[in-house]
């Protein structure tokens, strides 16, 4: 379990950031998100589950791979630009070397039926990893400003738009993401007005 809010640790140095994200990237075959949640929230305790969900949300709407965006934001949170670069280097350096090596090997053996079947089979593993991280992040929605009666329909709309209606990702982010942001802004405004002290 991560430590309590008051005594939650952070990385001691840029080197620790680099090492943690290198370790994370090497464990993330088929998808780093479930590993990132377990490492950053449960094992290292650098983020609360709500903070992880918020950073991941921002990372998903920005251009680029969401885990790379997440590493930049976590590094920046602790050590500014140097931390962001250290976390990014940890996230990309060793996987880049491995991917180049595996790409060269794959070119040699792509026609082998066992290799082709293994690559196809990894699709199911990747889908399972994405579902696992979604289920792990569900508890963070308890404190979501939208409340259950709003975030459940928004989530269902996103699932339908991407999985059933096949909307382009840009349309989902702009339309449903914009709707969600407006609803959250309205809910936060209502909460602020009810908690303001009366003169």
N, C-alpha and C. Protein backbone atom coordinates (compact mmCIF):
# COMPACT_ATOMS: atom_id res chain seq x y z
N UNK A 1 0.85 -1.19 0.00
CA UNK A 1 0.00 0.00 0.00
C UNK A 1 0.88 1.25 0.00
N UNK A 2 0.50 2.32 -0.77
CA UNK A 2 1.27 3.54 -0.75
C UNK A 2 1.15 4.22 0.59
N UNK A 3 2.12 5.00 1.00
CA UNK A 3 2.07 5.70 2.25
C UNK A 3 0.98 6.73 2.29
N UNK A 4 0.67 7.20 3.48
CA UNK A 4 -0.36 8.22 3.65
C UNK A 4 0.11 9.52 3.04
N UNK A 5 -0.84 10.45 2.84
CA UNK A 5 -0.57 11.69 2.13
C UNK A 5 0.58 12.48 2.74
N UNK A 6 0.63 12.57 4.07
CA UNK A 6 1.62 13.41 4.72
C UNK A 6 3.04 12.90 4.56
N UNK A 7 3.26 11.60 4.58
CA UNK A 7 4.62 11.06 4.53
C UNK A 7 4.88 10.30 3.23
N UNK A 8 4.19 10.69 2.16
CA UNK A 8 4.38 10.01 0.88
C UNK A 8 5.75 10.34 0.32
N UNK A 9 6.55 9.33 -0.08
CA UNK A 9 7.89 9.62 -0.58
C UNK A 9 7.87 10.08 -2.03
N UNK A 10 8.98 10.61 -2.46
CA UNK A 10 9.18 10.93 -3.86
C UNK A 10 10.55 10.42 -4.26
N UNK A 11 10.89 10.51 -5.54
CA UNK A 11 12.22 10.08 -5.97
C UNK A 11 13.29 10.97 -5.33
N UNK A 12 14.39 10.36 -4.94
CA UNK A 12 15.46 11.11 -4.27
C UNK A 12 16.33 11.89 -5.26
N UNK A 13 16.36 11.45 -6.52
CA UNK A 13 17.24 12.09 -7.50
C UNK A 13 16.73 11.80 -8.91
N UNK A 14 17.34 12.49 -9.87
CA UNK A 14 17.03 12.22 -11.27
C UNK A 14 17.43 10.81 -11.66
N UNK A 15 18.52 10.32 -11.06
CA UNK A 15 18.97 8.96 -11.35
C UNK A 15 17.92 7.94 -10.90
N UNK A 16 17.29 8.20 -9.74
CA UNK A 16 16.25 7.28 -9.28
C UNK A 16 15.04 7.32 -10.21
N UNK A 17 14.71 8.51 -10.71
CA UNK A 17 13.64 8.63 -11.71
C UNK A 17 13.98 7.82 -12.95
N UNK A 18 15.20 7.99 -13.45
CA UNK A 18 15.64 7.27 -14.65
C UNK A 18 15.57 5.76 -14.42
N UNK A 19 16.06 5.31 -13.26
CA UNK A 19 16.08 3.88 -12.96
C UNK A 19 14.66 3.32 -12.85
N UNK A 20 13.79 4.05 -12.16
CA UNK A 20 12.41 3.58 -11.98
C UNK A 20 11.69 3.46 -13.32
N UNK A 21 11.85 4.45 -14.19
CA UNK A 21 11.15 4.40 -15.47
C UNK A 21 11.81 3.41 -16.44
N UNK A 22 13.12 3.18 -16.30
CA UNK A 22 13.76 2.14 -17.10
C UNK A 22 13.21 0.77 -16.70
N UNK A 23 13.11 0.54 -15.39
CA UNK A 23 12.57 -0.73 -14.89
C UNK A 23 11.13 -0.91 -15.36
N UNK A 24 10.37 0.17 -15.27
CA UNK A 24 8.96 0.13 -15.67
C UNK A 24 8.83 -0.20 -17.16
N UNK A 25 9.66 0.44 -17.98
CA UNK A 25 9.56 0.23 -19.43
C UNK A 25 9.95 -1.19 -19.82
N UNK A 26 10.89 -1.79 -19.09
CA UNK A 26 11.33 -3.14 -19.43
C UNK A 26 10.33 -4.20 -18.98
N UNK A 27 9.46 -3.85 -18.02
CA UNK A 27 8.44 -4.80 -17.56
C UNK A 27 7.17 -4.72 -18.38
N UNK A 28 7.02 -3.68 -19.19
CA UNK A 28 5.74 -3.41 -19.84
C UNK A 28 5.58 -4.02 -21.21
N UNK A 29 5.76 -5.32 -21.35
CA UNK A 29 5.54 -5.97 -22.64
C UNK A 29 4.05 -5.96 -22.96
N UNK A 30 3.68 -5.39 -24.11
CA UNK A 30 2.29 -5.37 -24.52
C UNK A 30 1.49 -4.22 -23.94
N UNK A 31 2.05 -3.48 -23.02
CA UNK A 31 1.34 -2.35 -22.42
C UNK A 31 1.93 -2.00 -21.07
N UNK A 32 2.33 -0.74 -20.91
CA UNK A 32 3.02 -0.31 -19.70
C UNK A 32 2.05 0.19 -18.63
N UNK A 33 0.83 0.56 -19.02
CA UNK A 33 -0.07 1.21 -18.08
C UNK A 33 -0.33 0.42 -16.80
N UNK A 34 -0.67 -0.86 -16.87
CA UNK A 34 -0.90 -1.59 -15.61
C UNK A 34 0.35 -1.63 -14.74
N UNK A 35 1.52 -1.77 -15.37
CA UNK A 35 2.78 -1.79 -14.63
C UNK A 35 3.04 -0.41 -14.03
N UNK A 36 2.77 0.65 -14.79
CA UNK A 36 3.00 2.02 -14.31
C UNK A 36 2.14 2.30 -13.08
N UNK A 37 0.89 1.87 -13.12
CA UNK A 37 0.01 2.09 -11.97
C UNK A 37 0.53 1.34 -10.75
N UNK A 38 0.94 0.09 -10.96
CA UNK A 38 1.43 -0.70 -9.83
C UNK A 38 2.73 -0.12 -9.27
N UNK A 39 3.63 0.29 -10.16
CA UNK A 39 4.92 0.81 -9.71
C UNK A 39 4.79 2.18 -9.04
N UNK A 40 4.15 3.13 -9.73
CA UNK A 40 4.13 4.51 -9.25
C UNK A 40 3.18 4.72 -8.07
N UNK A 41 2.09 3.93 -8.02
CA UNK A 41 1.10 4.12 -6.96
C UNK A 41 1.33 3.13 -5.82
N UNK A 42 1.41 1.84 -6.15
CA UNK A 42 1.43 0.83 -5.09
C UNK A 42 2.82 0.55 -4.55
N UNK A 43 3.81 0.40 -5.41
CA UNK A 43 5.14 0.01 -4.94
C UNK A 43 5.96 1.21 -4.45
N UNK A 44 6.09 2.24 -5.30
CA UNK A 44 6.91 3.39 -4.94
C UNK A 44 6.15 4.43 -4.12
N UNK A 45 4.83 4.51 -4.33
CA UNK A 45 4.02 5.47 -3.58
C UNK A 45 4.25 6.92 -3.98
N UNK A 46 4.76 7.16 -5.20
CA UNK A 46 5.01 8.53 -5.64
C UNK A 46 3.74 9.27 -5.99
N UNK A 47 2.67 8.54 -6.33
CA UNK A 47 1.39 9.15 -6.70
C UNK A 47 0.26 8.44 -5.98
N UNK A 48 -0.82 9.18 -5.68
CA UNK A 48 -2.06 8.55 -5.24
C UNK A 48 -2.79 8.05 -6.48
N UNK A 49 -3.73 7.14 -6.30
CA UNK A 49 -4.44 6.59 -7.46
C UNK A 49 -5.20 7.69 -8.19
N UNK A 50 -5.73 8.68 -7.44
CA UNK A 50 -6.44 9.80 -8.08
C UNK A 50 -5.49 10.64 -8.92
N UNK A 51 -4.29 10.88 -8.40
CA UNK A 51 -3.30 11.66 -9.15
C UNK A 51 -2.87 10.91 -10.41
N UNK A 52 -2.68 9.59 -10.27
CA UNK A 52 -2.31 8.79 -11.44
C UNK A 52 -3.40 8.88 -12.51
N UNK A 53 -4.66 8.78 -12.10
CA UNK A 53 -5.77 8.86 -13.05
C UNK A 53 -5.82 10.22 -13.73
N UNK A 54 -5.56 11.29 -12.96
CA UNK A 54 -5.59 12.63 -13.54
C UNK A 54 -4.46 12.82 -14.55
N UNK A 55 -3.23 12.42 -14.17
CA UNK A 55 -2.10 12.56 -15.09
C UNK A 55 -2.28 11.70 -16.34
N UNK A 56 -2.82 10.50 -16.15
CA UNK A 56 -3.08 9.63 -17.30
C UNK A 56 -4.12 10.25 -18.23
N UNK A 57 -5.15 10.87 -17.66
CA UNK A 57 -6.18 11.53 -18.47
C UNK A 57 -5.57 12.63 -19.32
N UNK A 58 -4.72 13.45 -18.70
CA UNK A 58 -4.06 14.52 -19.45
C UNK A 58 -3.15 13.92 -20.52
N UNK A 59 -2.40 12.87 -20.14
CA UNK A 59 -1.49 12.22 -21.09
C UNK A 59 -2.20 11.63 -22.29
N UNK A 60 -3.44 11.17 -22.10
CA UNK A 60 -4.16 10.55 -23.20
C UNK A 60 -4.71 11.56 -24.20
N UNK A 61 -4.99 12.78 -23.75
CA UNK A 61 -5.53 13.77 -24.70
C UNK A 61 -4.43 14.57 -25.37
N UNK A 62 -3.18 14.47 -24.87
CA UNK A 62 -2.06 15.15 -25.52
C UNK A 62 -1.50 14.28 -26.65
N UNK A 63 -0.87 14.88 -27.64
CA UNK A 63 -0.26 14.07 -28.70
C UNK A 63 0.87 13.21 -28.13
N UNK A 64 1.04 12.03 -28.71
CA UNK A 64 2.11 11.14 -28.29
C UNK A 64 1.61 10.01 -27.41
N UNK A 65 2.46 9.02 -27.16
CA UNK A 65 2.07 7.88 -26.32
C UNK A 65 1.74 8.34 -24.90
N UNK A 66 0.64 7.85 -24.36
CA UNK A 66 0.20 8.34 -23.05
C UNK A 66 1.19 8.04 -21.93
N UNK A 67 1.90 6.91 -21.97
CA UNK A 67 2.85 6.59 -20.91
C UNK A 67 4.08 7.49 -20.99
N UNK A 68 4.48 7.85 -22.20
CA UNK A 68 5.59 8.79 -22.37
C UNK A 68 5.18 10.15 -21.80
N UNK A 69 3.97 10.58 -22.10
CA UNK A 69 3.47 11.84 -21.53
C UNK A 69 3.42 11.77 -20.01
N UNK A 70 2.99 10.62 -19.50
CA UNK A 70 2.92 10.43 -18.05
C UNK A 70 4.31 10.53 -17.43
N UNK A 71 5.31 9.92 -18.05
CA UNK A 71 6.67 9.98 -17.50
C UNK A 71 7.18 11.42 -17.47
N UNK A 72 6.90 12.19 -18.52
CA UNK A 72 7.30 13.60 -18.54
C UNK A 72 6.66 14.38 -17.41
N UNK A 73 5.37 14.15 -17.16
CA UNK A 73 4.67 14.90 -16.12
C UNK A 73 5.14 14.51 -14.72
N UNK A 74 5.39 13.22 -14.50
CA UNK A 74 5.88 12.78 -13.19
C UNK A 74 7.27 13.34 -12.94
N UNK A 75 8.15 13.24 -13.93
CA UNK A 75 9.50 13.79 -13.77
C UNK A 75 9.49 15.29 -13.52
N UNK A 76 8.65 16.01 -14.26
CA UNK A 76 8.54 17.46 -14.08
C UNK A 76 8.00 17.81 -12.70
N UNK A 77 7.09 17.01 -12.20
CA UNK A 77 6.49 17.28 -10.88
C UNK A 77 7.55 17.31 -9.78
N UNK A 78 8.57 16.45 -9.90
CA UNK A 78 9.56 16.34 -8.83
C UNK A 78 10.83 17.15 -9.08
N UNK A 79 11.32 17.21 -10.33
CA UNK A 79 12.61 17.87 -10.57
C UNK A 79 12.57 18.81 -11.78
N UNK A 80 11.39 19.24 -12.19
CA UNK A 80 11.30 20.18 -13.29
C UNK A 80 11.75 19.57 -14.61
N UNK A 81 12.38 20.40 -15.45
CA UNK A 81 12.78 19.95 -16.78
C UNK A 81 13.78 18.79 -16.72
N UNK A 82 14.73 18.85 -15.80
CA UNK A 82 15.71 17.76 -15.69
C UNK A 82 15.04 16.45 -15.30
N UNK A 83 14.08 16.53 -14.40
CA UNK A 83 13.35 15.32 -14.02
C UNK A 83 12.54 14.76 -15.17
N UNK A 84 11.92 15.67 -15.94
CA UNK A 84 11.13 15.23 -17.09
C UNK A 84 12.02 14.52 -18.11
N UNK A 85 13.21 15.07 -18.35
CA UNK A 85 14.12 14.45 -19.31
C UNK A 85 14.68 13.13 -18.79
N UNK A 86 14.95 13.06 -17.47
CA UNK A 86 15.46 11.81 -16.88
C UNK A 86 14.40 10.70 -16.98
N UNK A 87 13.15 11.04 -16.65
CA UNK A 87 12.07 10.04 -16.73
C UNK A 87 11.84 9.62 -18.18
N UNK A 88 11.87 10.58 -19.09
CA UNK A 88 11.69 10.28 -20.51
C UNK A 88 12.81 9.37 -21.04
N UNK A 89 14.05 9.67 -20.65
CA UNK A 89 15.18 8.83 -21.08
C UNK A 89 15.02 7.42 -20.53
N UNK A 90 14.60 7.29 -19.27
CA UNK A 90 14.37 5.97 -18.70
C UNK A 90 13.28 5.21 -19.43
N UNK A 91 12.27 5.94 -19.85
CA UNK A 91 11.13 5.31 -20.52
C UNK A 91 11.49 4.84 -21.93
N UNK A 92 12.44 5.52 -22.59
CA UNK A 92 12.67 5.25 -24.02
C UNK A 92 13.99 4.58 -24.37
N UNK A 93 15.04 4.79 -23.58
CA UNK A 93 16.37 4.37 -24.02
C UNK A 93 16.50 2.86 -24.19
N UNK A 94 16.28 2.08 -23.13
CA UNK A 94 16.43 0.63 -23.23
C UNK A 94 15.39 -0.01 -24.15
N UNK A 95 14.11 0.41 -24.09
CA UNK A 95 13.15 -0.16 -25.05
C UNK A 95 13.52 0.11 -26.51
N UNK A 96 14.08 1.29 -26.77
CA UNK A 96 14.49 1.60 -28.15
C UNK A 96 15.54 0.61 -28.64
N UNK A 97 16.53 0.33 -27.78
CA UNK A 97 17.58 -0.63 -28.15
C UNK A 97 16.97 -2.01 -28.39
N UNK A 98 16.08 -2.44 -27.48
CA UNK A 98 15.45 -3.76 -27.62
C UNK A 98 14.57 -3.86 -28.85
N UNK A 99 13.80 -2.80 -29.12
CA UNK A 99 12.89 -2.83 -30.28
C UNK A 99 13.69 -2.91 -31.57
N UNK A 100 14.78 -2.17 -31.65
CA UNK A 100 15.60 -2.23 -32.86
C UNK A 100 16.17 -3.64 -33.05
N UNK A 101 16.61 -4.26 -31.94
CA UNK A 101 17.15 -5.62 -32.04
C UNK A 101 16.07 -6.62 -32.44
N UNK A 102 14.87 -6.50 -31.81
CA UNK A 102 13.77 -7.42 -32.13
C UNK A 102 13.24 -7.20 -33.54
N UNK A 103 13.25 -5.95 -34.00
CA UNK A 103 12.79 -5.67 -35.37
C UNK A 103 13.70 -6.36 -36.38
N UNK A 104 15.00 -6.32 -36.13
CA UNK A 104 15.94 -7.00 -37.03
C UNK A 104 15.70 -8.51 -37.01
N UNK A 105 15.45 -9.08 -35.82
CA UNK A 105 15.18 -10.51 -35.71
C UNK A 105 13.85 -10.88 -36.37
N UNK A 106 12.82 -10.02 -36.15
CA UNK A 106 11.50 -10.30 -36.71
C UNK A 106 11.53 -10.33 -38.24
N UNK A 107 12.35 -9.45 -38.81
CA UNK A 107 12.46 -9.44 -40.27
C UNK A 107 13.00 -10.77 -40.80
N UNK A 108 13.85 -11.39 -40.01
CA UNK A 108 14.44 -12.67 -40.42
C UNK A 108 13.45 -13.83 -40.27
N UNK A 109 12.57 -13.75 -39.23
CA UNK A 109 11.72 -14.91 -38.90
C UNK A 109 10.22 -14.65 -39.04
N UNK A 110 9.82 -13.55 -39.67
CA UNK A 110 8.40 -13.20 -39.77
C UNK A 110 7.58 -14.26 -40.50
N UNK A 111 8.18 -14.97 -41.44
CA UNK A 111 7.45 -15.97 -42.23
C UNK A 111 7.23 -17.27 -41.47
N UNK A 112 7.89 -17.46 -40.34
CA UNK A 112 7.72 -18.69 -39.55
C UNK A 112 6.32 -18.67 -38.92
N UNK A 113 5.49 -19.71 -39.16
CA UNK A 113 4.11 -19.70 -38.63
C UNK A 113 4.01 -19.50 -37.12
N UNK A 114 4.93 -20.09 -36.37
CA UNK A 114 4.89 -19.94 -34.91
C UNK A 114 5.10 -18.49 -34.49
N UNK A 115 5.98 -17.78 -35.17
CA UNK A 115 6.25 -16.37 -34.86
C UNK A 115 5.03 -15.52 -35.20
N UNK A 116 4.44 -15.76 -36.39
CA UNK A 116 3.23 -15.00 -36.79
C UNK A 116 2.09 -15.23 -35.82
N UNK A 117 1.90 -16.48 -35.37
CA UNK A 117 0.85 -16.79 -34.41
C UNK A 117 1.08 -16.14 -33.07
N UNK A 118 2.34 -16.10 -32.63
CA UNK A 118 2.67 -15.47 -31.35
C UNK A 118 2.37 -13.98 -31.39
N UNK A 119 2.70 -13.32 -32.50
CA UNK A 119 2.43 -11.89 -32.63
C UNK A 119 0.93 -11.61 -32.61
N UNK A 120 0.13 -12.45 -33.31
CA UNK A 120 -1.33 -12.28 -33.30
C UNK A 120 -1.89 -12.52 -31.90
N UNK A 121 -1.35 -13.51 -31.20
CA UNK A 121 -1.83 -13.81 -29.85
C UNK A 121 -1.60 -12.70 -28.86
N UNK A 122 -0.58 -11.88 -29.09
CA UNK A 122 -0.29 -10.77 -28.17
C UNK A 122 -1.38 -9.71 -28.21
N UNK A 123 -2.20 -9.69 -29.28
CA UNK A 123 -3.30 -8.73 -29.33
C UNK A 123 -4.28 -8.93 -28.19
N UNK A 124 -4.59 -10.19 -27.89
CA UNK A 124 -5.51 -10.48 -26.78
C UNK A 124 -4.91 -10.07 -25.45
N UNK A 125 -3.60 -10.28 -25.29
CA UNK A 125 -2.92 -9.88 -24.06
C UNK A 125 -2.97 -8.36 -23.89
N UNK A 126 -2.72 -7.63 -24.98
CA UNK A 126 -2.77 -6.17 -24.91
C UNK A 126 -4.15 -5.67 -24.52
N UNK A 127 -5.20 -6.27 -25.11
CA UNK A 127 -6.56 -5.87 -24.77
C UNK A 127 -6.85 -6.15 -23.29
N UNK A 128 -6.39 -7.29 -22.81
CA UNK A 128 -6.58 -7.63 -21.39
C UNK A 128 -5.88 -6.66 -20.46
N UNK A 129 -4.68 -6.21 -20.85
CA UNK A 129 -3.94 -5.26 -20.02
C UNK A 129 -4.66 -3.91 -19.95
N UNK A 130 -5.22 -3.47 -21.08
CA UNK A 130 -5.97 -2.21 -21.09
C UNK A 130 -7.20 -2.32 -20.19
N UNK A 131 -7.91 -3.45 -20.26
CA UNK A 131 -9.09 -3.64 -19.40
C UNK A 131 -8.68 -3.69 -17.92
N UNK A 132 -7.54 -4.30 -17.63
CA UNK A 132 -7.08 -4.40 -16.25
C UNK A 132 -6.82 -3.02 -15.65
N UNK A 133 -6.17 -2.14 -16.41
CA UNK A 133 -5.89 -0.81 -15.88
C UNK A 133 -7.17 -0.01 -15.72
N UNK A 134 -8.13 -0.20 -16.63
CA UNK A 134 -9.42 0.49 -16.49
C UNK A 134 -10.11 0.08 -15.19
N UNK A 135 -10.10 -1.21 -14.89
CA UNK A 135 -10.72 -1.69 -13.65
C UNK A 135 -9.98 -1.19 -12.42
N UNK A 136 -8.64 -1.09 -12.49
CA UNK A 136 -7.87 -0.62 -11.35
C UNK A 136 -8.11 0.85 -11.08
N UNK A 137 -8.43 1.62 -12.12
CA UNK A 137 -8.64 3.06 -11.94
C UNK A 137 -10.08 3.41 -11.55
N UNK A 138 -10.98 2.43 -11.60
CA UNK A 138 -12.37 2.71 -11.23
C UNK A 138 -12.53 3.32 -9.85
N UNK A 139 -11.80 2.86 -8.80
CA UNK A 139 -11.97 3.48 -7.48
C UNK A 139 -11.67 4.97 -7.46
N UNK A 140 -10.80 5.45 -8.36
CA UNK A 140 -10.49 6.88 -8.40
C UNK A 140 -11.69 7.71 -8.79
N UNK A 141 -12.68 7.09 -9.46
CA UNK A 141 -13.86 7.84 -9.89
C UNK A 141 -14.81 8.16 -8.74
N UNK A 142 -14.60 7.53 -7.57
CA UNK A 142 -15.48 7.82 -6.43
C UNK A 142 -15.44 9.29 -6.06
N UNK A 143 -14.25 9.91 -6.20
CA UNK A 143 -14.11 11.32 -5.83
C UNK A 143 -14.21 12.24 -7.04
N UNK A 144 -14.61 11.71 -8.18
CA UNK A 144 -14.73 12.52 -9.38
C UNK A 144 -15.81 13.59 -9.18
N UNK A 145 -15.53 14.84 -9.56
CA UNK A 145 -16.52 15.91 -9.34
C UNK A 145 -17.83 15.70 -10.09
N UNK A 146 -17.83 14.88 -11.13
CA UNK A 146 -19.07 14.66 -11.88
C UNK A 146 -20.09 13.88 -11.06
N UNK A 147 -19.64 13.03 -10.16
CA UNK A 147 -20.58 12.16 -9.45
C UNK A 147 -20.99 11.00 -10.32
N UNK A 148 -21.44 9.92 -9.67
CA UNK A 148 -21.73 8.69 -10.41
C UNK A 148 -22.81 8.87 -11.46
N UNK A 149 -23.83 9.67 -11.19
CA UNK A 149 -24.93 9.79 -12.15
C UNK A 149 -24.53 10.53 -13.43
N UNK A 150 -23.34 11.18 -13.41
CA UNK A 150 -22.86 11.82 -14.64
C UNK A 150 -21.71 11.05 -15.29
N UNK A 151 -20.75 10.55 -14.48
CA UNK A 151 -19.60 9.91 -15.11
C UNK A 151 -19.94 8.55 -15.72
N UNK A 152 -20.95 7.86 -15.18
CA UNK A 152 -21.32 6.57 -15.77
C UNK A 152 -21.86 6.75 -17.19
N UNK A 153 -22.82 7.67 -17.42
CA UNK A 153 -23.28 7.87 -18.81
C UNK A 153 -22.17 8.36 -19.76
N UNK A 154 -21.27 9.24 -19.25
CA UNK A 154 -20.17 9.72 -20.10
C UNK A 154 -19.28 8.55 -20.48
N UNK A 155 -18.96 7.68 -19.52
CA UNK A 155 -18.12 6.51 -19.81
C UNK A 155 -18.79 5.59 -20.82
N UNK A 156 -20.09 5.35 -20.65
CA UNK A 156 -20.81 4.50 -21.61
C UNK A 156 -20.82 5.11 -23.01
N UNK A 157 -20.98 6.43 -23.08
CA UNK A 157 -20.95 7.11 -24.37
C UNK A 157 -19.58 6.94 -25.05
N UNK A 158 -18.51 7.05 -24.27
CA UNK A 158 -17.16 6.89 -24.83
C UNK A 158 -16.98 5.46 -25.34
N UNK A 159 -17.43 4.48 -24.56
CA UNK A 159 -17.31 3.08 -24.98
C UNK A 159 -18.09 2.84 -26.28
N UNK A 160 -19.32 3.36 -26.34
CA UNK A 160 -20.13 3.21 -27.55
C UNK A 160 -19.49 3.93 -28.74
N UNK A 161 -19.02 5.16 -28.50
CA UNK A 161 -18.46 5.95 -29.60
C UNK A 161 -17.21 5.31 -30.19
N UNK A 162 -16.36 4.75 -29.33
CA UNK A 162 -15.11 4.17 -29.84
C UNK A 162 -15.29 2.73 -30.30
N UNK A 163 -16.06 1.93 -29.54
CA UNK A 163 -16.15 0.50 -29.83
C UNK A 163 -17.28 0.12 -30.78
N UNK A 164 -18.40 0.83 -30.74
CA UNK A 164 -19.58 0.45 -31.53
C UNK A 164 -19.76 1.35 -32.75
N UNK A 165 -19.75 2.68 -32.51
CA UNK A 165 -20.00 3.62 -33.61
C UNK A 165 -18.73 3.92 -34.41
N UNK A 166 -17.56 3.56 -33.88
CA UNK A 166 -16.27 3.74 -34.57
C UNK A 166 -15.96 5.20 -34.88
N UNK A 167 -16.25 6.08 -33.93
CA UNK A 167 -15.90 7.49 -34.12
C UNK A 167 -14.38 7.64 -34.16
N UNK A 168 -13.88 8.62 -34.90
CA UNK A 168 -12.43 8.91 -34.84
C UNK A 168 -12.07 9.40 -33.43
N UNK A 169 -10.86 9.09 -32.99
CA UNK A 169 -10.43 9.45 -31.65
C UNK A 169 -10.49 10.95 -31.40
N UNK A 170 -10.17 11.75 -32.42
CA UNK A 170 -10.21 13.21 -32.27
C UNK A 170 -11.63 13.66 -31.95
N UNK A 171 -12.62 13.07 -32.63
CA UNK A 171 -14.02 13.45 -32.37
C UNK A 171 -14.44 13.07 -30.95
N UNK A 172 -14.00 11.90 -30.48
CA UNK A 172 -14.33 11.47 -29.11
C UNK A 172 -13.75 12.44 -28.11
N UNK A 173 -12.48 12.82 -28.30
CA UNK A 173 -11.82 13.72 -27.35
C UNK A 173 -12.45 15.10 -27.38
N UNK A 174 -12.71 15.62 -28.58
CA UNK A 174 -13.26 16.97 -28.69
C UNK A 174 -14.70 17.02 -28.18
N UNK A 175 -15.54 16.10 -28.65
CA UNK A 175 -16.96 16.16 -28.29
C UNK A 175 -17.24 15.64 -26.88
N UNK A 176 -16.89 14.39 -26.63
CA UNK A 176 -17.21 13.81 -25.32
C UNK A 176 -16.26 14.32 -24.23
N UNK A 177 -14.98 14.51 -24.60
CA UNK A 177 -14.05 15.10 -23.62
C UNK A 177 -14.45 16.52 -23.28
N UNK A 178 -14.84 17.30 -24.30
CA UNK A 178 -15.31 18.67 -24.04
C UNK A 178 -16.56 18.69 -23.19
N UNK A 179 -17.51 17.79 -23.48
CA UNK A 179 -18.73 17.69 -22.67
C UNK A 179 -18.40 17.36 -21.22
N UNK A 180 -17.49 16.40 -21.03
CA UNK A 180 -17.09 16.00 -19.68
C UNK A 180 -16.44 17.15 -18.93
N UNK A 181 -15.57 17.90 -19.60
CA UNK A 181 -14.91 19.06 -18.97
C UNK A 181 -15.93 20.12 -18.57
N UNK A 182 -16.90 20.38 -19.46
CA UNK A 182 -17.93 21.37 -19.13
C UNK A 182 -18.77 20.94 -17.93
N UNK A 183 -19.15 19.66 -17.89
CA UNK A 183 -19.92 19.15 -16.76
C UNK A 183 -19.12 19.25 -15.46
N UNK A 184 -17.82 18.89 -15.51
CA UNK A 184 -16.98 18.96 -14.31
C UNK A 184 -16.83 20.40 -13.85
N UNK A 185 -16.63 21.32 -14.80
CA UNK A 185 -16.50 22.74 -14.46
C UNK A 185 -17.77 23.25 -13.78
N UNK A 186 -18.91 22.84 -14.31
CA UNK A 186 -20.19 23.25 -13.72
C UNK A 186 -20.37 22.67 -12.32
N UNK A 187 -20.03 21.39 -12.16
CA UNK A 187 -20.16 20.75 -10.85
C UNK A 187 -19.23 21.37 -9.82
N UNK A 188 -17.98 21.67 -10.24
CA UNK A 188 -17.04 22.29 -9.32
C UNK A 188 -17.49 23.70 -8.94
N UNK A 189 -18.09 24.41 -9.90
CA UNK A 189 -18.63 25.74 -9.60
C UNK A 189 -19.76 25.68 -8.59
N UNK A 190 -20.64 24.69 -8.75
CA UNK A 190 -21.74 24.53 -7.80
C UNK A 190 -21.21 24.16 -6.42
N UNK A 191 -20.20 23.29 -6.35
CA UNK A 191 -19.63 22.89 -5.07
C UNK A 191 -18.98 24.08 -4.38
N UNK A 192 -18.25 24.91 -5.17
CA UNK A 192 -17.59 26.08 -4.59
C UNK A 192 -18.60 27.08 -4.05
N UNK A 193 -19.72 27.25 -4.78
CA UNK A 193 -20.72 28.23 -4.34
C UNK A 193 -21.44 27.77 -3.06
N UNK A 194 -21.61 26.45 -2.91
CA UNK A 194 -22.29 25.96 -1.70
C UNK A 194 -21.37 25.95 -0.48
N UNK A 195 -20.03 25.92 -0.71
CA UNK A 195 -19.10 25.89 0.44
C UNK A 195 -18.61 27.28 0.82
N UNK A 196 -18.95 28.32 0.04
CA UNK A 196 -18.52 29.67 0.39
C UNK A 196 -19.24 30.12 1.65
N UNK A 197 -18.49 30.75 2.59
CA UNK A 197 -19.15 31.22 3.82
C UNK A 197 -20.10 32.37 3.54
N UNK A 198 -21.23 32.36 4.19
CA UNK A 198 -22.20 33.43 4.02
C UNK A 198 -21.79 34.62 4.88
N UNK A 199 -21.89 35.86 4.36
CA UNK A 199 -21.46 37.04 5.13
C UNK A 199 -22.39 37.30 6.30
